[in-house]
């Protein structure tokens, strides 16, 4: 029974793993017994995290998941290191929080390349290694912004809605390969990316007023949901998008 509720010996690749939600997922997976390999674009951030996590079963490298050559290099490293992959967490993402009329074509392309295209390409690239697992899981970090309007910008909302649909589609297509695909959609979580918003008292009060739980979420709470979806205990769950939002979606913006 206990083996159903941990990630012991699972090999997990986590993108955007040096800050915020990604860092929380790395820490959660290590606590649950997984072998973790995380990536981030910033080499210094990767090295700092590795120093902090020294002595644990973790490795990392700099990788720009929007760049094909960088993704292929990562694949080659993982293939040589492990030969197969049990878990892929597509977490890397960002937001510019612009009004639609203020968003340039370049802004749109950059945001969708990271938030949406990289998830598609990473999933496709690592399919062969996930298939070798025989019991693999992909979890995509999306957002409640992909389900309802939260005022964070149309390109961001589009990218997250697309990943929600990609999650459902791949869950069906890859079930025959024993690859489960799910998504986790947070509301406001306290991270470096959201701090500029949460430090604004008026905006914070507006957020809290629409959150039945009455508080902002923590990265560890998102990480817990992600970890569950990768456990053997969740073996019959695929194609789902679980909101970690303190009840926000049920209340509405």
C-alpha atoms as a PDB file:
ATOM      1  CA  UNK A   1       0.000   0.000   0.000  1.00  0.00           C
ATOM      2  CA  UNK A   2       2.771   2.453   0.903  1.00  0.00           C
ATOM      3  CA  UNK A   3       4.396   1.958  -2.506  1.00  0.00           C
ATOM      4  CA  UNK A   4       1.275   3.399  -4.118  1.00  0.00           C
ATOM      5  CA  UNK A   5       1.760   6.708  -2.302  1.00  0.00           C
ATOM      6  CA  UNK A   6       5.326   7.648  -3.108  1.00  0.00           C
ATOM      7  CA  UNK A   7       7.613   8.218  -6.086  1.00  0.00           C
ATOM      8  CA  UNK A   8      10.408   5.923  -4.993  1.00  0.00           C
ATOM      9  CA  UNK A   9      12.920   5.292  -7.799  1.00  0.00           C
ATOM     10  CA  UNK A  10      10.808   7.169 -10.354  1.00  0.00           C
ATOM     11  CA  UNK A  11      12.897   9.131 -12.849  1.00  0.00           C
ATOM     12  CA  UNK A  12      11.449  12.631 -13.235  1.00  0.00           C
ATOM     13  CA  UNK A  13      12.350  15.494 -15.571  1.00  0.00           C
ATOM     14  CA  UNK A  14      11.099  18.919 -14.457  1.00  0.00           C
ATOM     15  CA  UNK A  15      11.328  22.081 -16.562  1.00  0.00           C
ATOM     16  CA  UNK A  16      11.589  25.530 -14.991  1.00  0.00           C
ATOM     17  CA  UNK A  17      12.794  23.864 -11.805  1.00  0.00           C
ATOM     18  CA  UNK A  18      14.783  26.621 -10.100  1.00  0.00           C
ATOM     19  CA  UNK A  19      12.062  29.006  -8.923  1.00  0.00           C
ATOM     20  CA  UNK A  20       8.496  29.161  -7.707  1.00  0.00           C
ATOM     21  CA  UNK A  21       6.232  26.228  -8.509  1.00  0.00           C
ATOM     22  CA  UNK A  22       8.963  24.338 -10.370  1.00  0.00           C
ATOM     23  CA  UNK A  23      11.326  24.531  -7.410  1.00  0.00           C
ATOM     24  CA  UNK A  24       8.513  23.355  -5.143  1.00  0.00           C
ATOM     25  CA  UNK A  25       7.923  20.343  -7.412  1.00  0.00           C
ATOM     26  CA  UNK A  26      11.626  19.454  -7.394  1.00  0.00           C
ATOM     27  CA  UNK A  27      11.688  19.522  -3.582  1.00  0.00           C
ATOM     28  CA  UNK A  28       8.441  17.546  -3.269  1.00  0.00           C
ATOM     29  CA  UNK A  29       9.595  14.832  -5.659  1.00  0.00           C
ATOM     30  CA  UNK A  30      12.912  14.424  -3.860  1.00  0.00           C
ATOM     31  CA  UNK A  31      11.095  14.036  -0.534  1.00  0.00           C
ATOM     32  CA  UNK A  32       8.939  11.325  -2.093  1.00  0.00           C
ATOM     33  CA  UNK A  33      11.918   9.306  -3.311  1.00  0.00           C
ATOM     34  CA  UNK A  34      12.155  10.275  -6.973  1.00  0.00           C
ATOM     35  CA  UNK A  35      15.349  10.700  -8.968  1.00  0.00           C
ATOM     36  CA  UNK A  36      15.078  14.263 -10.254  1.00  0.00           C
ATOM     37  CA  UNK A  37      16.611  16.020 -13.227  1.00  0.00           C
ATOM     38  CA  UNK A  38      15.593  19.675 -13.538  1.00  0.00           C
ATOM     39  CA  UNK A  39      16.330  22.350 -16.119  1.00  0.00           C
ATOM     40  CA  UNK A  40      16.208  26.123 -16.387  1.00  0.00           C
ATOM     41  CA  UNK A  41      17.489  28.631 -18.912  1.00  0.00           C
ATOM     42  CA  UNK A  42      19.728  30.323 -16.346  1.00  0.00           C
ATOM     43  CA  UNK A  43      22.875  28.304 -15.625  1.00  0.00           C
ATOM     44  CA  UNK A  44      23.621  30.263 -12.437  1.00  0.00           C
ATOM     45  CA  UNK A  45      20.155  29.480 -11.065  1.00  0.00           C
ATOM     46  CA  UNK A  46      20.694  25.797 -11.827  1.00  0.00           C
ATOM     47  CA  UNK A  47      24.031  25.756 -10.015  1.00  0.00           C
ATOM     48  CA  UNK A  48      22.617  27.583  -6.996  1.00  0.00           C
ATOM     49  CA  UNK A  49      19.804  25.054  -6.667  1.00  0.00           C
ATOM     50  CA  UNK A  50      22.211  22.144  -7.029  1.00  0.00           C
ATOM     51  CA  UNK A  51      24.355  23.600  -4.237  1.00  0.00           C
ATOM     52  CA  UNK A  52      21.326  23.845  -1.946  1.00  0.00           C
ATOM     53  CA  UNK A  53      20.183  20.317  -2.820  1.00  0.00           C
ATOM     54  CA  UNK A  54      23.681  18.834  -2.505  1.00  0.00           C
ATOM     55  CA  UNK A  55      23.638  15.237  -1.299  1.00  0.00           C
ATOM     56  CA  UNK A  56      20.185  14.490  -2.715  1.00  0.00           C
ATOM     57  CA  UNK A  57      19.372  12.363  -5.749  1.00  0.00           C
ATOM     58  CA  UNK A  58      19.175  15.325  -8.126  1.00  0.00           C
ATOM     59  CA  UNK A  59      20.891  16.633 -11.245  1.00  0.00           C
ATOM     60  CA  UNK A  60      20.299  19.678 -13.390  1.00  0.00           C
ATOM     61  CA  UNK A  61      21.459  21.608 -16.431  1.00  0.00           C
ATOM     62  CA  UNK A  62      20.698  24.792 -18.295  1.00  0.00           C
ATOM     63  CA  UNK A  63      18.258  24.284 -21.156  1.00  0.00           C
ATOM     64  CA  UNK A  64      16.086  26.649 -23.179  1.00  0.00           C
ATOM     65  CA  UNK A  65      12.999  24.548 -23.875  1.00  0.00           C
ATOM     66  CA  UNK A  66      11.966  26.951 -26.651  1.00  0.00           C
ATOM     67  CA  UNK A  67      15.113  26.106 -28.617  1.00  0.00           C
ATOM     68  CA  UNK A  68      15.207  22.872 -30.636  1.00  0.00           C
ATOM     69  CA  UNK A  69      18.958  22.305 -30.297  1.00  0.00           C
ATOM     70  CA  UNK A  70      18.768  22.821 -26.549  1.00  0.00           C
ATOM     71  CA  UNK A  71      15.868  20.371 -26.248  1.00  0.00           C
ATOM     72  CA  UNK A  72      17.691  17.742 -28.304  1.00  0.00           C
ATOM     73  CA  UNK A  73      20.809  18.133 -26.156  1.00  0.00           C
ATOM     74  CA  UNK A  74      18.665  17.590 -23.061  1.00  0.00           C
ATOM     75  CA  UNK A  75      17.125  14.481 -24.614  1.00  0.00           C
ATOM     76  CA  UNK A  76      20.579  13.073 -25.344  1.00  0.00           C
ATOM     77  CA  UNK A  77      21.686  13.686 -21.760  1.00  0.00           C
ATOM     78  CA  UNK A  78      18.564  12.055 -20.275  1.00  0.00           C
ATOM     79  CA  UNK A  79      18.789   9.103 -22.655  1.00  0.00           C
ATOM     80  CA  UNK A  80      22.412   8.522 -21.707  1.00  0.00           C
ATOM     81  CA  UNK A  81      21.775   9.092 -17.998  1.00  0.00           C
ATOM     82  CA  UNK A  82      18.627   6.987 -17.584  1.00  0.00           C
ATOM     83  CA  UNK A  83      17.692   5.294 -20.852  1.00  0.00           C
ATOM     84  CA  UNK A  84      14.010   5.818 -20.070  1.00  0.00           C
ATOM     85  CA  UNK A  85      11.812   8.373 -18.320  1.00  0.00           C
ATOM     86  CA  UNK A  86       8.941   7.839 -15.875  1.00  0.00           C
ATOM     87  CA  UNK A  87       7.752  11.418 -15.353  1.00  0.00           C
ATOM     88  CA  UNK A  88       7.797  14.625 -17.394  1.00  0.00           C
ATOM     89  CA  UNK A  89       6.672  17.845 -15.719  1.00  0.00           C
ATOM     90  CA  UNK A  90       6.155  20.659 -18.232  1.00  0.00           C
ATOM     91  CA  UNK A  91       6.336  23.614 -15.868  1.00  0.00           C
ATOM     92  CA  UNK A  92       8.409  26.288 -17.650  1.00  0.00           C
ATOM     93  CA  UNK A  93       6.309  29.321 -18.498  1.00  0.00           C
ATOM     94  CA  UNK A  94       5.888  33.063 -18.085  1.00  0.00           C
ATOM     95  CA  UNK A  95       3.465  35.954 -18.520  1.00  0.00           C
ATOM     96  CA  UNK A  96       3.718  39.583 -19.626  1.00  0.00           C
ATOM     97  CA  UNK A  97       0.300  40.729 -18.282  1.00  0.00           C
ATOM     98  CA  UNK A  98      -0.563  43.090 -21.126  1.00  0.00           C
ATOM     99  CA  UNK A  99      -3.858  44.326 -22.440  1.00  0.00           C
ATOM    100  CA  UNK A 100      -4.702  42.801 -25.804  1.00  0.00           C
ATOM    101  CA  UNK A 101      -4.282  46.054 -27.754  1.00  0.00           C
ATOM    102  CA  UNK A 102      -0.855  46.579 -26.150  1.00  0.00           C
ATOM    103  CA  UNK A 103       0.481  43.132 -27.044  1.00  0.00           C
ATOM    104  CA  UNK A 104       2.809  43.072 -30.034  1.00  0.00           C
ATOM    105  CA  UNK A 105       3.234  40.179 -32.437  1.00  0.00           C
ATOM    106  CA  UNK A 106       6.694  39.566 -30.957  1.00  0.00           C
ATOM    107  CA  UNK A 107       5.241  39.482 -27.422  1.00  0.00           C
ATOM    108  CA  UNK A 108       2.628  36.969 -28.567  1.00  0.00           C
ATOM    109  CA  UNK A 109       5.144  34.713 -30.303  1.00  0.00           C
ATOM    110  CA  UNK A 110       7.577  34.664 -27.366  1.00  0.00           C
ATOM    111  CA  UNK A 111       4.886  33.852 -24.833  1.00  0.00           C
ATOM    112  CA  UNK A 112       3.248  31.097 -26.882  1.00  0.00           C
ATOM    113  CA  UNK A 113       6.609  29.579 -27.806  1.00  0.00           C
ATOM    114  CA  UNK A 114       7.439  29.096 -24.131  1.00  0.00           C
ATOM    115  CA  UNK A 115       4.015  28.418 -22.640  1.00  0.00           C
ATOM    116  CA  UNK A 116       2.524  26.280 -25.400  1.00  0.00           C
ATOM    117  CA  UNK A 117       4.876  25.196 -28.193  1.00  0.00           C
ATOM    118  CA  UNK A 118       7.631  24.045 -25.812  1.00  0.00           C
ATOM    119  CA  UNK A 119       5.151  21.799 -23.981  1.00  0.00           C
ATOM    120  CA  UNK A 120       4.049  20.219 -27.256  1.00  0.00           C
ATOM    121  CA  UNK A 121       7.631  19.744 -28.450  1.00  0.00           C
ATOM    122  CA  UNK A 122       8.954  18.430 -25.120  1.00  0.00           C
ATOM    123  CA  UNK A 123       6.133  15.912 -24.844  1.00  0.00           C
ATOM    124  CA  UNK A 124       6.665  14.738 -28.417  1.00  0.00           C
ATOM    125  CA  UNK A 125      10.457  14.573 -28.047  1.00  0.00           C
ATOM    126  CA  UNK A 126      10.403  12.523 -24.843  1.00  0.00           C
ATOM    127  CA  UNK A 127       7.582  10.209 -25.914  1.00  0.00           C
ATOM    128  CA  UNK A 128       9.989   7.388 -26.796  1.00  0.00           C
ATOM    129  CA  UNK A 129      11.666   7.467 -23.366  1.00  0.00           C
ATOM    130  CA  UNK A 130       8.314   7.711 -21.564  1.00  0.00           C
ATOM    131  CA  UNK A 131       7.015   4.759 -23.578  1.00  0.00           C
ATOM    132  CA  UNK A 132       9.950   2.658 -22.348  1.00  0.00           C
ATOM    133  CA  UNK A 133       8.847   3.254 -18.743  1.00  0.00           C
ATOM    134  CA  UNK A 134       5.725   1.125 -19.113  1.00  0.00           C
ATOM    135  CA  UNK A 135       4.070   3.308 -16.465  1.00  0.00           C
ATOM    136  CA  UNK A 136       4.735   6.962 -17.273  1.00  0.00           C
ATOM    137  CA  UNK A 137       3.094  10.251 -16.387  1.00  0.00           C
ATOM    138  CA  UNK A 138       3.147  13.721 -17.869  1.00  0.00           C
ATOM    139  CA  UNK A 139       1.836  16.656 -15.867  1.00  0.00           C
ATOM    140  CA  UNK A 140       1.444  20.040 -17.539  1.00  0.00           C
ATOM    141  CA  UNK A 141       1.307  23.139 -15.353  1.00  0.00           C
ATOM    142  CA  UNK A 142      -1.415  25.337 -16.794  1.00  0.00           C
ATOM    143  CA  UNK A 143      -3.567  27.959 -15.062  1.00  0.00           C
ATOM    144  CA  UNK A 144      -7.129  28.820 -14.168  1.00  0.00           C
ATOM    145  CA  UNK A 145      -6.582  31.580 -16.759  1.00  0.00           C
ATOM    146  CA  UNK A 146      -7.057  28.851 -19.366  1.00  0.00           C
ATOM    147  CA  UNK A 147     -10.552  28.168 -17.990  1.00  0.00           C
ATOM    148  CA  UNK A 148     -11.978  31.607 -17.232  1.00  0.00           C
ATOM    149  CA  UNK A 149     -11.067  35.276 -17.553  1.00  0.00           C
ATOM    150  CA  UNK A 150      -8.726  36.459 -14.798  1.00  0.00           C
ATOM    151  CA  UNK A 151      -7.404  39.595 -16.479  1.00  0.00           C
ATOM    152  CA  UNK A 152      -3.850  38.330 -16.998  1.00  0.00           C
ATOM    153  CA  UNK A 153      -3.750  38.853 -20.763  1.00  0.00           C
ATOM    154  CA  UNK A 154      -5.205  37.065 -23.784  1.00  0.00           C
ATOM    155  CA  UNK A 155      -1.955  35.440 -25.020  1.00  0.00           C
ATOM    156  CA  UNK A 156      -1.370  33.862 -21.610  1.00  0.00           C
ATOM    157  CA  UNK A 157      -4.967  32.630 -21.437  1.00  0.00           C
ATOM    158  CA  UNK A 158      -4.754  31.236 -24.981  1.00  0.00           C
ATOM    159  CA  UNK A 159      -1.546  29.363 -24.203  1.00  0.00           C
ATOM    160  CA  UNK A 160      -2.956  27.764 -21.063  1.00  0.00           C
ATOM    161  CA  UNK A 161      -6.278  26.837 -22.681  1.00  0.00           C
ATOM    162  CA  UNK A 162      -4.349  25.174 -25.512  1.00  0.00           C
ATOM    163  CA  UNK A 163      -2.309  23.110 -23.055  1.00  0.00           C
ATOM    164  CA  UNK A 164      -5.492  21.997 -21.299  1.00  0.00           C
ATOM    165  CA  UNK A 165      -6.744  20.643 -24.623  1.00  0.00           C
ATOM    166  CA  UNK A 166      -3.361  19.131 -25.487  1.00  0.00           C
ATOM    167  CA  UNK A 167      -3.493  17.333 -22.142  1.00  0.00           C
ATOM    168  CA  UNK A 168      -6.849  15.768 -22.987  1.00  0.00           C
ATOM    169  CA  UNK A 169      -5.781  14.849 -26.504  1.00  0.00           C
ATOM    170  CA  UNK A 170      -2.482  13.197 -25.545  1.00  0.00           C
ATOM    171  CA  UNK A 171      -4.168  11.329 -22.695  1.00  0.00           C
ATOM    172  CA  UNK A 172      -6.311   9.565 -25.273  1.00  0.00           C
ATOM    173  CA  UNK A 173      -3.664   9.125 -27.957  1.00  0.00           C
ATOM    174  CA  UNK A 174      -0.924   7.852 -25.635  1.00  0.00           C
ATOM    175  CA  UNK A 175      -2.961   5.681 -23.286  1.00  0.00           C
ATOM    176  CA  UNK A 176      -1.962   2.674 -25.404  1.00  0.00           C
ATOM    177  CA  UNK A 177       1.662   3.509 -24.563  1.00  0.00           C
ATOM    178  CA  UNK A 178       0.958   3.440 -20.818  1.00  0.00           C
ATOM    179  CA  UNK A 179       1.517   7.196 -20.602  1.00  0.00           C
ATOM    180  CA  UNK A 180      -0.946   9.130 -18.471  1.00  0.00           C
ATOM    181  CA  UNK A 181      -1.279  12.864 -19.194  1.00  0.00           C
ATOM    182  CA  UNK A 182      -2.822  15.315 -16.731  1.00  0.00           C
ATOM    183  CA  UNK A 183      -2.655  19.010 -15.913  1.00  0.00           C
ATOM    184  CA  UNK A 184      -2.636  21.140 -12.782  1.00  0.00           C
ATOM    185  CA  UNK A 185      -4.082  24.653 -12.981  1.00  0.00           C
ATOM    186  CA  UNK A 186      -3.099  27.006 -10.168  1.00  0.00           C
ATOM    187  CA  UNK A 187      -4.720  30.308  -9.205  1.00  0.00           C
ATOM    188  CA  UNK A 188      -2.491  32.898  -7.514  1.00  0.00           C
ATOM    189  CA  UNK A 189       0.465  31.133  -5.915  1.00  0.00           C
ATOM    190  CA  UNK A 190       3.169  33.033  -4.018  1.00  0.00           C
ATOM    191  CA  UNK A 191       6.162  32.936  -6.396  1.00  0.00           C
ATOM    192  CA  UNK A 192       8.705  35.450  -7.775  1.00  0.00           C
ATOM    193  CA  UNK A 193       6.523  35.748 -10.906  1.00  0.00           C
ATOM    194  CA  UNK A 194       3.395  36.762  -8.967  1.00  0.00           C
ATOM    195  CA  UNK A 195       5.090  38.894  -6.303  1.00  0.00           C
ATOM    196  CA  UNK A 196       4.681  42.171  -8.279  1.00  0.00           C
ATOM    197  CA  UNK A 197       0.913  41.568  -8.301  1.00  0.00           C
ATOM    198  CA  UNK A 198       0.595  40.312  -4.733  1.00  0.00           C
ATOM    199  CA  UNK A 199       2.609  43.243  -3.375  1.00  0.00           C
ATOM    200  CA  UNK A 200      -0.089  45.598  -4.676  1.00  0.00           C
ATOM    201  CA  UNK A 201      -2.576  45.833  -1.797  1.00  0.00           C
ATOM    202  CA  UNK A 202      -5.546  46.698  -4.003  1.00  0.00           C
ATOM    203  CA  UNK A 203      -4.898  43.771  -6.351  1.00  0.00           C
ATOM    204  CA  UNK A 204      -4.235  41.407  -3.462  1.00  0.00           C
ATOM    205  CA  UNK A 205      -7.535  42.336  -1.798  1.00  0.00           C
ATOM    206  CA  UNK A 206      -9.346  41.759  -5.101  1.00  0.00           C
ATOM    207  CA  UNK A 207      -7.740  38.315  -5.422  1.00  0.00           C
ATOM    208  CA  UNK A 208      -8.523  37.334  -1.845  1.00  0.00           C
ATOM    209  CA  UNK A 209     -12.098  38.590  -2.191  1.00  0.00           C
ATOM    210  CA  UNK A 210     -12.650  36.094  -5.010  1.00  0.00           C
ATOM    211  CA  UNK A 211     -10.910  33.183  -3.314  1.00  0.00           C
ATOM    212  CA  UNK A 212     -13.160  31.247  -0.908  1.00  0.00           C
ATOM    213  CA  UNK A 213     -10.113  29.924   0.969  1.00  0.00           C
ATOM    214  CA  UNK A 214      -9.263  33.546   1.764  1.00  0.00           C
ATOM    215  CA  UNK A 215      -5.554  33.319   1.035  1.00  0.00           C
ATOM    216  CA  UNK A 216      -2.944  32.935  -1.685  1.00  0.00           C
ATOM    217  CA  UNK A 217      -1.631  29.425  -2.398  1.00  0.00           C
ATOM    218  CA  UNK A 218       1.874  28.115  -1.795  1.00  0.00           C
ATOM    219  CA  UNK A 219       4.136  26.344  -4.285  1.00  0.00           C
ATOM    220  CA  UNK A 220       4.189  23.260  -2.053  1.00  0.00           C
ATOM    221  CA  UNK A 221       0.407  22.933  -2.422  1.00  0.00           C
ATOM    222  CA  UNK A 222       0.671  22.833  -6.203  1.00  0.00           C
ATOM    223  CA  UNK A 223       3.588  20.408  -5.944  1.00  0.00           C
ATOM    224  CA  UNK A 224       1.510  18.040  -3.825  1.00  0.00           C
ATOM    225  CA  UNK A 225      -1.178  17.815  -6.517  1.00  0.00           C
ATOM    226  CA  UNK A 226       1.442  17.247  -9.202  1.00  0.00           C
ATOM    227  CA  UNK A 227       3.104  14.511  -7.153  1.00  0.00           C
ATOM    228  CA  UNK A 228      -0.199  12.710  -6.579  1.00  0.00           C
ATOM    229  CA  UNK A 229      -0.924  12.589 -10.304  1.00  0.00           C
ATOM    230  CA  UNK A 230       2.442  10.881 -10.846  1.00  0.00           C
ATOM    231  CA  UNK A 231       1.982   8.246  -8.116  1.00  0.00           C
ATOM    232  CA  UNK A 232       0.843   4.669  -8.701  1.00  0.00           C
ATOM    233  CA  UNK A 233      -2.176   5.613  -6.567  1.00  0.00           C
ATOM    234  CA  UNK A 234      -3.371   7.812  -9.465  1.00  0.00           C
ATOM    235  CA  UNK A 235      -2.937   5.068 -12.076  1.00  0.00           C
ATOM    236  CA  UNK A 236      -6.515   5.355 -13.402  1.00  0.00           C
ATOM    237  CA  UNK A 237      -6.508   9.152 -13.725  1.00  0.00           C
ATOM    238  CA  UNK A 238      -5.668  10.618 -17.116  1.00  0.00           C
ATOM    239  CA  UNK A 239      -6.833  13.550 -19.231  1.00  0.00           C
ATOM    240  CA  UNK A 240      -7.820  15.608 -16.191  1.00  0.00           C
ATOM    241  CA  UNK A 241      -7.063  19.212 -15.285  1.00  0.00           C
ATOM    242  CA  UNK A 242      -7.083  19.751 -11.517  1.00  0.00           C
ATOM    243  CA  UNK A 243      -7.409  23.323 -10.267  1.00  0.00           C
ATOM    244  CA  UNK A 244      -5.360  24.253  -7.212  1.00  0.00           C
ATOM    245  CA  UNK A 245      -7.182  27.494  -6.575  1.00  0.00           C
ATOM    246  CA  UNK A 246      -8.693  27.705  -3.086  1.00  0.00           C
ATOM    247  CA  UNK A 247     -12.155  27.447  -4.650  1.00  0.00           C
ATOM    248  CA  UNK A 248     -11.709  30.383  -7.053  1.00  0.00           C
ATOM    249  CA  UNK A 249     -13.227  28.709 -10.124  1.00  0.00           C
ATOM    250  CA  UNK A 250     -16.358  27.835  -8.207  1.00  0.00           C
ATOM    251  CA  UNK A 251     -16.704  31.461  -7.109  1.00  0.00           C
ATOM    252  CA  UNK A 252     -15.735  33.279 -10.307  1.00  0.00           C
ATOM    253  CA  UNK A 253     -13.884  36.483 -10.980  1.00  0.00           C
END
